[in-house]
Amino acid sequence: MRLKKDFILHDSDGDYVIVAVGEAAKNFHGLVHLNNVAGKIVEFLKEDISEEELINKMLEVYNVDPDTLKKDVNNIISQLKNANIVE
């Protein structure tokens, strides 16, 4: 999975937003504000990555319970998919 090509992640000192550009901007209006964890997930989604690889990378960044992290990652990925931001 990965961030669709017509969406960009902007990081302004840890304040993350996703912006639609190109064709996506015709149908997607506004910004998606992300917390730090979601922002880091989307950073990793700039490249094609499996869910397992994503969770492993997140575990390298955050010292948290793997099961809790997996639930959080799944929740964020589900929201991004519902918004048609990832493929």
C-alpha atoms as a PDB file:
ATOM      1  CA  MET A   1       0.000   0.000   0.000  1.00  0.00           C
ATOM      2  CA  ARG A   2       1.096   3.577  -0.491  1.00  0.00           C
ATOM      3  CA  LEU A   3      -0.042   7.180  -0.486  1.00  0.00           C
ATOM      4  CA  LYS A   4      -1.772   8.004  -3.774  1.00  0.00           C
ATOM      5  CA  LYS A   5       0.326  10.112  -6.135  1.00  0.00           C
ATOM      6  CA  ASP A   6      -2.038  13.088  -6.019  1.00  0.00           C
ATOM      7  CA  PHE A   7      -1.709  13.524  -2.251  1.00  0.00           C
ATOM      8  CA  ILE A   8       1.272  15.052  -0.516  1.00  0.00           C
ATOM      9  CA  LEU A   9       2.258  15.076   3.126  1.00  0.00           C
ATOM     10  CA  HIS A  10       3.428  18.374   4.542  1.00  0.00           C
ATOM     11  CA  ASP A  11       5.350  18.418   7.824  1.00  0.00           C
ATOM     12  CA  SER A  12       5.716  21.766   9.523  1.00  0.00           C
ATOM     13  CA  ASP A  13       7.705  21.055  12.696  1.00  0.00           C
ATOM     14  CA  GLY A  14       5.702  17.926  13.517  1.00  0.00           C
ATOM     15  CA  ASP A  15       2.356  19.401  12.465  1.00  0.00           C
ATOM     16  CA  TYR A  16       1.351  17.058   9.648  1.00  0.00           C
ATOM     17  CA  VAL A  17      -1.258  17.699   6.959  1.00  0.00           C
ATOM     18  CA  ILE A  18      -2.199  15.857   3.782  1.00  0.00           C
ATOM     19  CA  VAL A  19      -3.018  18.018   0.772  1.00  0.00           C
ATOM     20  CA  ALA A  20      -4.666  16.926  -2.469  1.00  0.00           C
ATOM     21  CA  VAL A  21      -2.987  18.077  -5.688  1.00  0.00           C
ATOM     22  CA  GLY A  22      -3.512  17.407  -9.390  1.00  0.00           C
ATOM     23  CA  GLU A  23      -6.585  15.366 -10.282  1.00  0.00           C
ATOM     24  CA  ALA A  24      -7.360  14.550  -6.653  1.00  0.00           C
ATOM     25  CA  ALA A  25      -7.786  18.252  -5.873  1.00  0.00           C
ATOM     26  CA  LYS A  26     -10.842  18.331  -8.159  1.00  0.00           C
ATOM     27  CA  ASN A  27     -12.749  16.000  -5.829  1.00  0.00           C
ATOM     28  CA  PHE A  28     -10.987  16.268  -2.481  1.00  0.00           C
ATOM     29  CA  HIS A  29     -11.314  19.693  -0.914  1.00  0.00           C
ATOM     30  CA  GLY A  30      -9.570  20.678   2.277  1.00  0.00           C
ATOM     31  CA  LEU A  31      -6.747  19.316   4.372  1.00  0.00           C
ATOM     32  CA  VAL A  32      -6.329  16.251   6.541  1.00  0.00           C
ATOM     33  CA  HIS A  33      -4.661  17.156   9.840  1.00  0.00           C
ATOM     34  CA  LEU A  34      -2.706  14.301  11.405  1.00  0.00           C
ATOM     35  CA  ASN A  35      -1.253  13.678  14.834  1.00  0.00           C
ATOM     36  CA  ASN A  36       2.414  12.679  15.099  1.00  0.00           C
ATOM     37  CA  VAL A  37       1.755   8.931  14.903  1.00  0.00           C
ATOM     38  CA  ALA A  38      -0.488   9.233  11.839  1.00  0.00           C
ATOM     39  CA  GLY A  39       2.004  11.628  10.257  1.00  0.00           C
ATOM     40  CA  LYS A  40       4.823   9.119  10.715  1.00  0.00           C
ATOM     41  CA  ILE A  41       2.653   6.365   9.205  1.00  0.00           C
ATOM     42  CA  VAL A  42       1.948   8.505   6.141  1.00  0.00           C
ATOM     43  CA  GLU A  43       5.658   9.317   5.842  1.00  0.00           C
ATOM     44  CA  PHE A  44       6.298   5.589   5.496  1.00  0.00           C
ATOM     45  CA  LEU A  45       3.419   5.338   3.004  1.00  0.00           C
ATOM     46  CA  LYS A  46       5.255   7.593   0.566  1.00  0.00           C
ATOM     47  CA  GLU A  47       6.857   4.337  -0.607  1.00  0.00           C
ATOM     48  CA  ASP A  48       5.042   1.089  -1.330  1.00  0.00           C
ATOM     49  CA  ILE A  49       5.051  -0.856   1.939  1.00  0.00           C
ATOM     50  CA  SER A  50       3.220  -3.831   3.405  1.00  0.00           C
ATOM     51  CA  GLU A  51       1.288  -3.538   6.636  1.00  0.00           C
ATOM     52  CA  GLU A  52       3.811  -5.797   8.383  1.00  0.00           C
ATOM     53  CA  GLU A  53       6.748  -3.677   7.187  1.00  0.00           C
ATOM     54  CA  LEU A  54       4.932  -0.532   8.306  1.00  0.00           C
ATOM     55  CA  ILE A  55       4.320  -1.915  11.785  1.00  0.00           C
ATOM     56  CA  ASN A  56       7.967  -3.003  12.097  1.00  0.00           C
ATOM     57  CA  LYS A  57       9.179   0.468  11.058  1.00  0.00           C
ATOM     58  CA  MET A  58       6.819   2.092  13.534  1.00  0.00           C
ATOM     59  CA  LEU A  59       8.126  -0.187  16.305  1.00  0.00           C
ATOM     60  CA  GLU A  60      11.621   1.112  15.533  1.00  0.00           C
ATOM     61  CA  VAL A  61      10.378   4.671  16.118  1.00  0.00           C
ATOM     62  CA  TYR A  62       7.993   4.167  19.055  1.00  0.00           C
ATOM     63  CA  ASN A  63       8.587   2.041  22.138  1.00  0.00           C
ATOM     64  CA  VAL A  64       5.026   0.750  22.539  1.00  0.00           C
ATOM     65  CA  ASP A  65       3.186  -2.512  22.878  1.00  0.00           C
ATOM     66  CA  PRO A  66       3.128  -4.195  19.412  1.00  0.00           C
ATOM     67  CA  ASP A  67      -0.543  -5.188  19.707  1.00  0.00           C
ATOM     68  CA  THR A  68      -1.586  -1.648  20.593  1.00  0.00           C
ATOM     69  CA  LEU A  69       0.486  -0.251  17.742  1.00  0.00           C
ATOM     70  CA  LYS A  70      -1.026  -2.734  15.286  1.00  0.00           C
ATOM     71  CA  LYS A  71      -4.549  -1.654  16.285  1.00  0.00           C
ATOM     72  CA  ASP A  72      -3.625   2.021  15.922  1.00  0.00           C
ATOM     73  CA  VAL A  73      -1.984   1.458  12.530  1.00  0.00           C
ATOM     74  CA  ASN A  74      -4.993  -0.530  11.300  1.00  0.00           C
ATOM     75  CA  ASN A  75      -7.348   2.230  12.470  1.00  0.00           C
ATOM     76  CA  ILE A  76      -5.358   4.970  10.728  1.00  0.00           C
ATOM     77  CA  ILE A  77      -4.960   2.923   7.520  1.00  0.00           C
ATOM     78  CA  SER A  78      -8.704   2.234   7.514  1.00  0.00           C
ATOM     79  CA  GLN A  79      -9.461   5.961   7.797  1.00  0.00           C
ATOM     80  CA  LEU A  80      -7.001   6.790   4.998  1.00  0.00           C
ATOM     81  CA  LYS A  81      -8.563   4.124   2.771  1.00  0.00           C
ATOM     82  CA  ASN A  82     -12.078   5.420   3.518  1.00  0.00           C
ATOM     83  CA  ALA A  83     -10.915   8.889   2.462  1.00  0.00           C
ATOM     84  CA  ASN A  84      -9.435   7.342  -0.716  1.00  0.00           C
ATOM     85  CA  ILE A  85      -5.951   8.642   0.096  1.00  0.00           C
ATOM     86  CA  VAL A  86      -4.015   5.357  -0.031  1.00  0.00           C
ATOM     87  CA  GLU A  87      -3.945   2.584  -2.583  1.00  0.00           C
END
